[in-house]
Amino acid sequence: HTQTKMSVDEQKEKLSIAQEAEVRKRCLADCIHNLNKFLNSRTWEIFAHKFRQLNIKLPPDLVSCKVCEDPYSGHYFEREKKIVICANHVTDDQFDYTVTHELVHVYDDARAEVDFDDPEHIACSEIRATNLSGECREAKFYEFWRRNNKYIDCVRSRAYNSMTYNKKDLSKETAEKAIANAWEVCYFDYEPFSFEELKKKLSGRKF
C-alpha cells in the first residue's frame, strides 16, 4: 500500500478551503448574534407594531443570514417577501442600518404594493430605505451634514446606486429622473417612525 504525498500546492489549497469555511462559519455566527440583538431593539418593535396594524403576518424566517457571492450587505426578495443579510459583507456597525434598510422595503411593499417594475416606485422605496436606515449618518456630525446638504447628497447617491444595481437595464437618466420625481414626497415620509423617533435614531440617541 503506497500513500501519495500531497504536494505543497495541494496542502495550501486544503488549508485555504478550511480557513475559508471557518471564516464563513464565524461570519454566520456573528450575523445570527446581531440579528437576535436587533429583534430586541426599539427599531424592530416599531416595525412589528406597524405590521400588526396593517394585518401583515410576517414569516418566522423573514430575515435570514447567508454567505453571499455578490458584494452587497443585504437584499429584499419581493416575490418571496423575505430579507437576506449577507453575513460575509456586513460588519457589526453596519448591521442595524442594513436590516432597517431592507425592512423599509418590506413595509413599503406591505402598505403600498410597490411595483418593482416602476422606476418611481423603486426610487421612492430606495430614498426612504436610505434615509430611514441611518446609513448616511455620522452620528455626531449629522446636524452639520444636514446644514451642508452632504446628508441629502448621500441619500440621493445611495438610492441611485441601489436602483441601478437592482435594475441592470435602468438607464442613468431614467433613474435620476425617477429619484427627482419621487424626492419631495418620499424623502419626507418617515413611516413607520415618527419624526421625533427618526431624529433620535439618526443622531444615535436612544428612542
C-alpha atoms as a PDB file:
ATOM      1  CA  HIS A   1       0.000   0.000   0.000  1.00  0.00           C
ATOM      2  CA  THR A   2       1.535   3.282  -1.126  1.00  0.00           C
ATOM      3  CA  GLN A   3       0.324   6.640   0.221  1.00  0.00           C
ATOM      4  CA  THR A   4       0.773   9.528  -2.189  1.00  0.00           C
ATOM      5  CA  LYS A   5       2.261  12.550  -0.508  1.00  0.00           C
ATOM      6  CA  MET A   6       0.322  15.775  -1.037  1.00  0.00           C
ATOM      7  CA  SER A   7       2.134  18.461  -2.958  1.00  0.00           C
ATOM      8  CA  VAL A   8       2.807  21.835  -1.350  1.00  0.00           C
ATOM      9  CA  ASP A   9       0.164  23.416  -3.602  1.00  0.00           C
ATOM     10  CA  GLU A  10      -2.407  20.787  -2.607  1.00  0.00           C
ATOM     11  CA  GLN A  11      -1.654  21.351   1.071  1.00  0.00           C
ATOM     12  CA  LYS A  12      -2.068  25.103   0.628  1.00  0.00           C
ATOM     13  CA  GLU A  13      -5.352  24.617  -1.218  1.00  0.00           C
ATOM     14  CA  LYS A  14      -6.692  22.318   1.501  1.00  0.00           C
ATOM     15  CA  LEU A  15      -5.669  24.791   4.194  1.00  0.00           C
ATOM     16  CA  SER A  16      -7.226  27.658   2.257  1.00  0.00           C
ATOM     17  CA  ILE A  17     -10.545  25.799   1.942  1.00  0.00           C
ATOM     18  CA  ALA A  18     -10.533  25.009   5.670  1.00  0.00           C
ATOM     19  CA  GLN A  19      -9.756  28.618   6.568  1.00  0.00           C
ATOM     20  CA  GLU A  20     -12.496  29.902   4.264  1.00  0.00           C
ATOM     21  CA  ALA A  21     -15.013  27.519   5.837  1.00  0.00           C
ATOM     22  CA  GLU A  22     -14.018  28.740   9.302  1.00  0.00           C
ATOM     23  CA  VAL A  23     -14.408  32.380   8.251  1.00  0.00           C
ATOM     24  CA  ARG A  24     -17.873  31.672   6.811  1.00  0.00           C
ATOM     25  CA  LYS A  25     -18.890  29.866   9.983  1.00  0.00           C
ATOM     26  CA  ARG A  26     -17.719  32.789  12.119  1.00  0.00           C
ATOM     27  CA  CYS A  27     -19.488  35.336   9.879  1.00  0.00           C
ATOM     28  CA  LEU A  28     -22.770  33.429  10.120  1.00  0.00           C
ATOM     29  CA  ALA A  29     -22.473  33.135  13.907  1.00  0.00           C
ATOM     30  CA  ASP A  30     -21.833  36.886  14.218  1.00  0.00           C
ATOM     31  CA  CYS A  31     -24.759  37.658  11.901  1.00  0.00           C
ATOM     32  CA  ILE A  32     -27.170  35.475  13.877  1.00  0.00           C
ATOM     33  CA  HIS A  33     -25.980  37.070  17.131  1.00  0.00           C
ATOM     34  CA  ASN A  34     -26.557  40.568  15.725  1.00  0.00           C
ATOM     35  CA  LEU A  35     -29.954  39.559  14.336  1.00  0.00           C
ATOM     36  CA  ASN A  36     -31.090  38.340  17.756  1.00  0.00           C
ATOM     37  CA  LYS A  37     -30.000  41.686  19.231  1.00  0.00           C
ATOM     38  CA  PHE A  38     -31.866  43.577  16.502  1.00  0.00           C
ATOM     39  CA  LEU A  39     -35.064  41.614  17.180  1.00  0.00           C
ATOM     40  CA  ASN A  40     -34.980  43.013  20.721  1.00  0.00           C
ATOM     41  CA  SER A  41     -34.399  46.599  19.589  1.00  0.00           C
ATOM     42  CA  ARG A  42     -36.738  49.590  19.570  1.00  0.00           C
ATOM     43  CA  THR A  43     -36.437  49.764  15.772  1.00  0.00           C
ATOM     44  CA  TRP A  44     -37.816  46.247  15.373  1.00  0.00           C
ATOM     45  CA  GLU A  45     -40.541  46.956  17.947  1.00  0.00           C
ATOM     46  CA  ILE A  46     -41.746  49.903  15.841  1.00  0.00           C
ATOM     47  CA  PHE A  47     -41.783  47.881  12.620  1.00  0.00           C
ATOM     48  CA  ALA A  48     -43.527  44.905  14.242  1.00  0.00           C
ATOM     49  CA  HIS A  49     -46.219  47.188  15.682  1.00  0.00           C
ATOM     50  CA  LYS A  50     -46.872  48.773  12.280  1.00  0.00           C
ATOM     51  CA  PHE A  51     -47.021  45.381  10.558  1.00  0.00           C
ATOM     52  CA  ARG A  52     -49.644  44.280  13.083  1.00  0.00           C
ATOM     53  CA  GLN A  53     -51.653  47.438  12.352  1.00  0.00           C
ATOM     54  CA  LEU A  54     -51.560  46.514   8.656  1.00  0.00           C
ATOM     55  CA  ASN A  55     -52.659  42.945   9.497  1.00  0.00           C
ATOM     56  CA  ILE A  56     -49.475  41.641   7.911  1.00  0.00           C
ATOM     57  CA  LYS A  57     -48.407  38.258   9.243  1.00  0.00           C
ATOM     58  CA  LEU A  58     -44.641  38.033   8.979  1.00  0.00           C
ATOM     59  CA  PRO A  59     -42.955  34.668   8.367  1.00  0.00           C
ATOM     60  CA  PRO A  60     -40.693  33.470  11.203  1.00  0.00           C
ATOM     61  CA  ASP A  61     -37.793  33.446   8.747  1.00  0.00           C
ATOM     62  CA  LEU A  62     -38.462  36.953   7.422  1.00  0.00           C
ATOM     63  CA  VAL A  63     -34.781  37.807   7.988  1.00  0.00           C
ATOM     64  CA  SER A  64     -32.051  35.216   7.490  1.00  0.00           C
ATOM     65  CA  CYS A  65     -28.258  35.252   7.428  1.00  0.00           C
ATOM     66  CA  LYS A  66     -26.377  33.780   4.485  1.00  0.00           C
ATOM     67  CA  VAL A  67     -22.962  33.895   2.860  1.00  0.00           C
ATOM     68  CA  CYS A  68     -23.357  35.863  -0.384  1.00  0.00           C
ATOM     69  CA  GLU A  69     -21.311  35.846  -3.567  1.00  0.00           C
ATOM     70  CA  ASP A  70     -22.132  39.441  -4.536  1.00  0.00           C
ATOM     71  CA  PRO A  71     -20.573  42.410  -2.691  1.00  0.00           C
ATOM     72  CA  TYR A  72     -23.790  43.744  -1.130  1.00  0.00           C
ATOM     73  CA  SER A  73     -24.726  43.581   2.539  1.00  0.00           C
ATOM     74  CA  GLY A  74     -28.423  42.772   2.232  1.00  0.00           C
ATOM     75  CA  HIS A  75     -31.287  42.006  -0.141  1.00  0.00           C
ATOM     76  CA  TYR A  76     -35.077  42.104  -0.118  1.00  0.00           C
ATOM     77  CA  PHE A  77     -36.643  39.485  -2.381  1.00  0.00           C
ATOM     78  CA  GLU A  78     -40.064  40.914  -3.176  1.00  0.00           C
ATOM     79  CA  ARG A  79     -41.571  37.727  -4.597  1.00  0.00           C
ATOM     80  CA  GLU A  80     -40.680  35.653  -1.557  1.00  0.00           C
ATOM     81  CA  LYS A  81     -41.235  38.628   0.805  1.00  0.00           C
ATOM     82  CA  LYS A  82     -38.015  37.794   2.614  1.00  0.00           C
ATOM     83  CA  ILE A  83     -34.768  39.511   3.584  1.00  0.00           C
ATOM     84  CA  VAL A  84     -31.289  38.025   3.312  1.00  0.00           C
ATOM     85  CA  ILE A  85     -28.433  39.612   5.245  1.00  0.00           C
ATOM     86  CA  CYS A  86     -25.037  38.828   3.737  1.00  0.00           C
ATOM     87  CA  ALA A  87     -23.066  37.655   6.747  1.00  0.00           C
ATOM     88  CA  ASN A  88     -19.729  37.950   4.964  1.00  0.00           C
ATOM     89  CA  HIS A  89     -20.300  41.571   3.909  1.00  0.00           C
ATOM     90  CA  VAL A  90     -21.900  43.266   6.912  1.00  0.00           C
ATOM     91  CA  THR A  91     -19.972  44.450   9.964  1.00  0.00           C
ATOM     92  CA  ASP A  92     -21.355  44.830  13.474  1.00  0.00           C
ATOM     93  CA  ASP A  93     -21.580  48.609  12.947  1.00  0.00           C
ATOM     94  CA  GLN A  94     -23.495  48.190   9.681  1.00  0.00           C
ATOM     95  CA  PHE A  95     -25.933  45.542  10.863  1.00  0.00           C
ATOM     96  CA  ASP A  96     -28.673  47.761  12.299  1.00  0.00           C
ATOM     97  CA  TYR A  97     -28.954  50.032   9.285  1.00  0.00           C
ATOM     98  CA  THR A  98     -28.665  47.127   6.836  1.00  0.00           C
ATOM     99  CA  VAL A  99     -31.659  45.314   8.337  1.00  0.00           C
ATOM    100  CA  THR A 100     -33.590  48.580   8.734  1.00  0.00           C
ATOM    101  CA  HIS A 101     -32.989  49.432   5.055  1.00  0.00           C
ATOM    102  CA  GLU A 102     -34.447  46.111   3.924  1.00  0.00           C
ATOM    103  CA  LEU A 103     -37.339  46.311   6.399  1.00  0.00           C
ATOM    104  CA  VAL A 104     -38.383  49.639   4.878  1.00  0.00           C
ATOM    105  CA  HIS A 105     -38.762  47.813   1.550  1.00  0.00           C
ATOM    106  CA  VAL A 106     -40.893  45.141   3.241  1.00  0.00           C
ATOM    107  CA  TYR A 107     -43.008  47.835   4.897  1.00  0.00           C
ATOM    108  CA  ASP A 108     -43.468  49.820   1.688  1.00  0.00           C
ATOM    109  CA  ASP A 109     -44.424  46.668  -0.183  1.00  0.00           C
ATOM    110  CA  ALA A 110     -46.953  45.764   2.526  1.00  0.00           C
ATOM    111  CA  ARG A 111     -48.664  49.146   2.749  1.00  0.00           C
ATOM    112  CA  ALA A 112     -48.478  50.304  -0.875  1.00  0.00           C
ATOM    113  CA  GLU A 113     -47.903  47.197  -3.017  1.00  0.00           C
ATOM    114  CA  VAL A 114     -44.751  48.535  -4.642  1.00  0.00           C
ATOM    115  CA  ASP A 115     -44.477  47.881  -8.367  1.00  0.00           C
ATOM    116  CA  PHE A 116     -40.849  46.839  -8.683  1.00  0.00           C
ATOM    117  CA  ASP A 117     -41.009  47.411 -12.431  1.00  0.00           C
ATOM    118  CA  ASP A 118     -41.935  51.083 -11.972  1.00  0.00           C
ATOM    119  CA  PRO A 119     -38.818  53.292 -11.626  1.00  0.00           C
ATOM    120  CA  GLU A 120     -40.621  55.869  -9.460  1.00  0.00           C
ATOM    121  CA  HIS A 121     -41.918  53.197  -7.089  1.00  0.00           C
ATOM    122  CA  ILE A 122     -38.406  51.781  -6.768  1.00  0.00           C
ATOM    123  CA  ALA A 123     -36.933  55.265  -6.334  1.00  0.00           C
ATOM    124  CA  CYS A 124     -39.380  56.112  -3.560  1.00  0.00           C
ATOM    125  CA  SER A 125     -38.639  52.973  -1.579  1.00  0.00           C
ATOM    126  CA  GLU A 126     -34.872  53.364  -2.036  1.00  0.00           C
ATOM    127  CA  ILE A 127     -34.988  57.018  -0.928  1.00  0.00           C
ATOM    128  CA  ARG A 128     -36.961  56.045   2.164  1.00  0.00           C
ATOM    129  CA  ALA A 129     -34.828  52.997   2.946  1.00  0.00           C
ATOM    130  CA  THR A 130     -31.615  55.010   2.689  1.00  0.00           C
ATOM    131  CA  ASN A 131     -32.957  57.941   4.697  1.00  0.00           C
ATOM    132  CA  LEU A 132     -34.677  55.972   7.461  1.00  0.00           C
ATOM    133  CA  SER A 133     -31.967  53.366   7.954  1.00  0.00           C
ATOM    134  CA  GLY A 134     -29.350  55.878   9.047  1.00  0.00           C
ATOM    135  CA  GLU A 135     -26.723  54.519   6.672  1.00  0.00           C
ATOM    136  CA  CYS A 136     -25.799  58.064   5.642  1.00  0.00           C
ATOM    137  CA  ARG A 137     -25.388  59.448   9.115  1.00  0.00           C
ATOM    138  CA  GLU A 138     -22.249  60.071  11.053  1.00  0.00           C
ATOM    139  CA  ALA A 139     -23.876  60.328  14.465  1.00  0.00           C
ATOM    140  CA  LYS A 140     -22.017  63.302  15.900  1.00  0.00           C
ATOM    141  CA  PHE A 141     -21.869  65.134  12.566  1.00  0.00           C
ATOM    142  CA  TYR A 142     -25.467  64.509  11.485  1.00  0.00           C
ATOM    143  CA  GLU A 143     -26.797  68.046  12.039  1.00  0.00           C
ATOM    144  CA  PHE A 144     -23.664  69.527  10.473  1.00  0.00           C
ATOM    145  CA  TRP A 145     -24.200  67.367   7.387  1.00  0.00           C
ATOM    146  CA  ARG A 146     -27.841  68.402   7.133  1.00  0.00           C
ATOM    147  CA  ARG A 147     -26.917  72.090   7.053  1.00  0.00           C
ATOM    148  CA  ASN A 148     -24.392  71.492   4.307  1.00  0.00           C
ATOM    149  CA  ASN A 149     -26.532  69.190   2.123  1.00  0.00           C
ATOM    150  CA  LYS A 150     -23.975  66.384   2.315  1.00  0.00           C
ATOM    151  CA  TYR A 151     -26.531  64.158   4.021  1.00  0.00           C
ATOM    152  CA  ILE A 152     -29.026  64.717   1.205  1.00  0.00           C
ATOM    153  CA  ASP A 153     -26.323  64.095  -1.398  1.00  0.00           C
ATOM    154  CA  CYS A 154     -25.514  60.810   0.321  1.00  0.00           C
ATOM    155  CA  VAL A 155     -29.169  59.700   0.334  1.00  0.00           C
ATOM    156  CA  ARG A 156     -29.534  60.547  -3.362  1.00  0.00           C
ATOM    157  CA  SER A 157     -26.320  58.785  -4.305  1.00  0.00           C
ATOM    158  CA  ARG A 158     -27.019  55.598  -2.375  1.00  0.00           C
ATOM    159  CA  ALA A 159     -30.622  55.456  -3.582  1.00  0.00           C
ATOM    160  CA  TYR A 160     -29.356  55.786  -7.161  1.00  0.00           C
ATOM    161  CA  ASN A 161     -26.753  53.049  -6.643  1.00  0.00           C
ATOM    162  CA  SER A 162     -29.356  50.692  -5.176  1.00  0.00           C
ATOM    163  CA  MET A 163     -31.752  51.354  -8.048  1.00  0.00           C
ATOM    164  CA  THR A 164     -29.209  50.711 -10.768  1.00  0.00           C
ATOM    165  CA  TYR A 165     -27.910  47.582  -9.025  1.00  0.00           C
ATOM    166  CA  ASN A 166     -31.379  46.061  -8.685  1.00  0.00           C
ATOM    167  CA  LYS A 167     -32.416  47.056 -12.207  1.00  0.00           C
ATOM    168  CA  LYS A 168     -29.484  46.468 -14.523  1.00  0.00           C
ATOM    169  CA  ASP A 169     -31.438  47.695 -17.557  1.00  0.00           C
ATOM    170  CA  LEU A 170     -32.301  51.031 -15.931  1.00  0.00           C
ATOM    171  CA  SER A 171     -30.562  53.948 -17.615  1.00  0.00           C
ATOM    172  CA  LYS A 172     -28.799  56.681 -15.657  1.00  0.00           C
ATOM    173  CA  GLU A 173     -31.269  59.267 -16.959  1.00  0.00           C
ATOM    174  CA  THR A 174     -34.340  57.196 -16.010  1.00  0.00           C
ATOM    175  CA  ALA A 175     -33.034  56.507 -12.504  1.00  0.00           C
ATOM    176  CA  GLU A 176     -32.121  60.144 -11.858  1.00  0.00           C
ATOM    177  CA  LYS A 177     -35.481  61.373 -13.173  1.00  0.00           C
ATOM    178  CA  ALA A 178     -37.367  58.859 -11.007  1.00  0.00           C
ATOM    179  CA  ILE A 179     -35.455  59.982  -7.907  1.00  0.00           C
ATOM    180  CA  ALA A 180     -36.139  63.646  -8.707  1.00  0.00           C
ATOM    181  CA  ASN A 181     -39.867  62.993  -9.224  1.00  0.00           C
ATOM    182  CA  ALA A 182     -40.229  60.934  -6.040  1.00  0.00           C
ATOM    183  CA  TRP A 183     -37.982  63.023  -3.815  1.00  0.00           C
ATOM    184  CA  GLU A 184     -40.311  65.561  -2.158  1.00  0.00           C
ATOM    185  CA  VAL A 185     -42.957  63.046  -1.157  1.00  0.00           C
ATOM    186  CA  CYS A 186     -40.693  60.139  -0.252  1.00  0.00           C
ATOM    187  CA  TYR A 187     -37.810  61.875   1.498  1.00  0.00           C
ATOM    188  CA  PHE A 188     -40.239  63.469   3.969  1.00  0.00           C
ATOM    189  CA  ASP A 189     -42.234  60.270   4.515  1.00  0.00           C
ATOM    190  CA  TYR A 190     -40.876  58.887   7.805  1.00  0.00           C
ATOM    191  CA  GLU A 191     -43.236  55.940   8.291  1.00  0.00           C
ATOM    192  CA  PRO A 192     -43.086  53.700  10.272  1.00  0.00           C
ATOM    193  CA  PHE A 193     -41.208  56.173  12.504  1.00  0.00           C
ATOM    194  CA  SER A 194     -42.475  59.455  13.865  1.00  0.00           C
ATOM    195  CA  PHE A 195     -40.314  62.485  13.079  1.00  0.00           C
ATOM    196  CA  GLU A 196     -39.104  62.602  16.690  1.00  0.00           C
ATOM    197  CA  GLU A 197     -38.200  58.908  16.662  1.00  0.00           C
ATOM    198  CA  LEU A 198     -36.286  59.328  13.430  1.00  0.00           C
ATOM    199  CA  LYS A 199     -34.355  62.338  14.732  1.00  0.00           C
ATOM    200  CA  LYS A 200     -33.258  60.352  17.766  1.00  0.00           C
ATOM    201  CA  LYS A 201     -32.356  57.314  15.675  1.00  0.00           C
ATOM    202  CA  LEU A 202     -30.258  59.320  13.226  1.00  0.00           C
ATOM    203  CA  SER A 203     -28.484  61.225  15.983  1.00  0.00           C
ATOM    204  CA  GLY A 204     -27.508  57.999  17.717  1.00  0.00           C
ATOM    205  CA  ARG A 205     -29.709  58.611  20.765  1.00  0.00           C
ATOM    206  CA  LYS A 206     -31.984  56.051  22.398  1.00  0.00           C
ATOM    207  CA  PHE A 207     -35.634  56.345  21.406  1.00  0.00           C
END
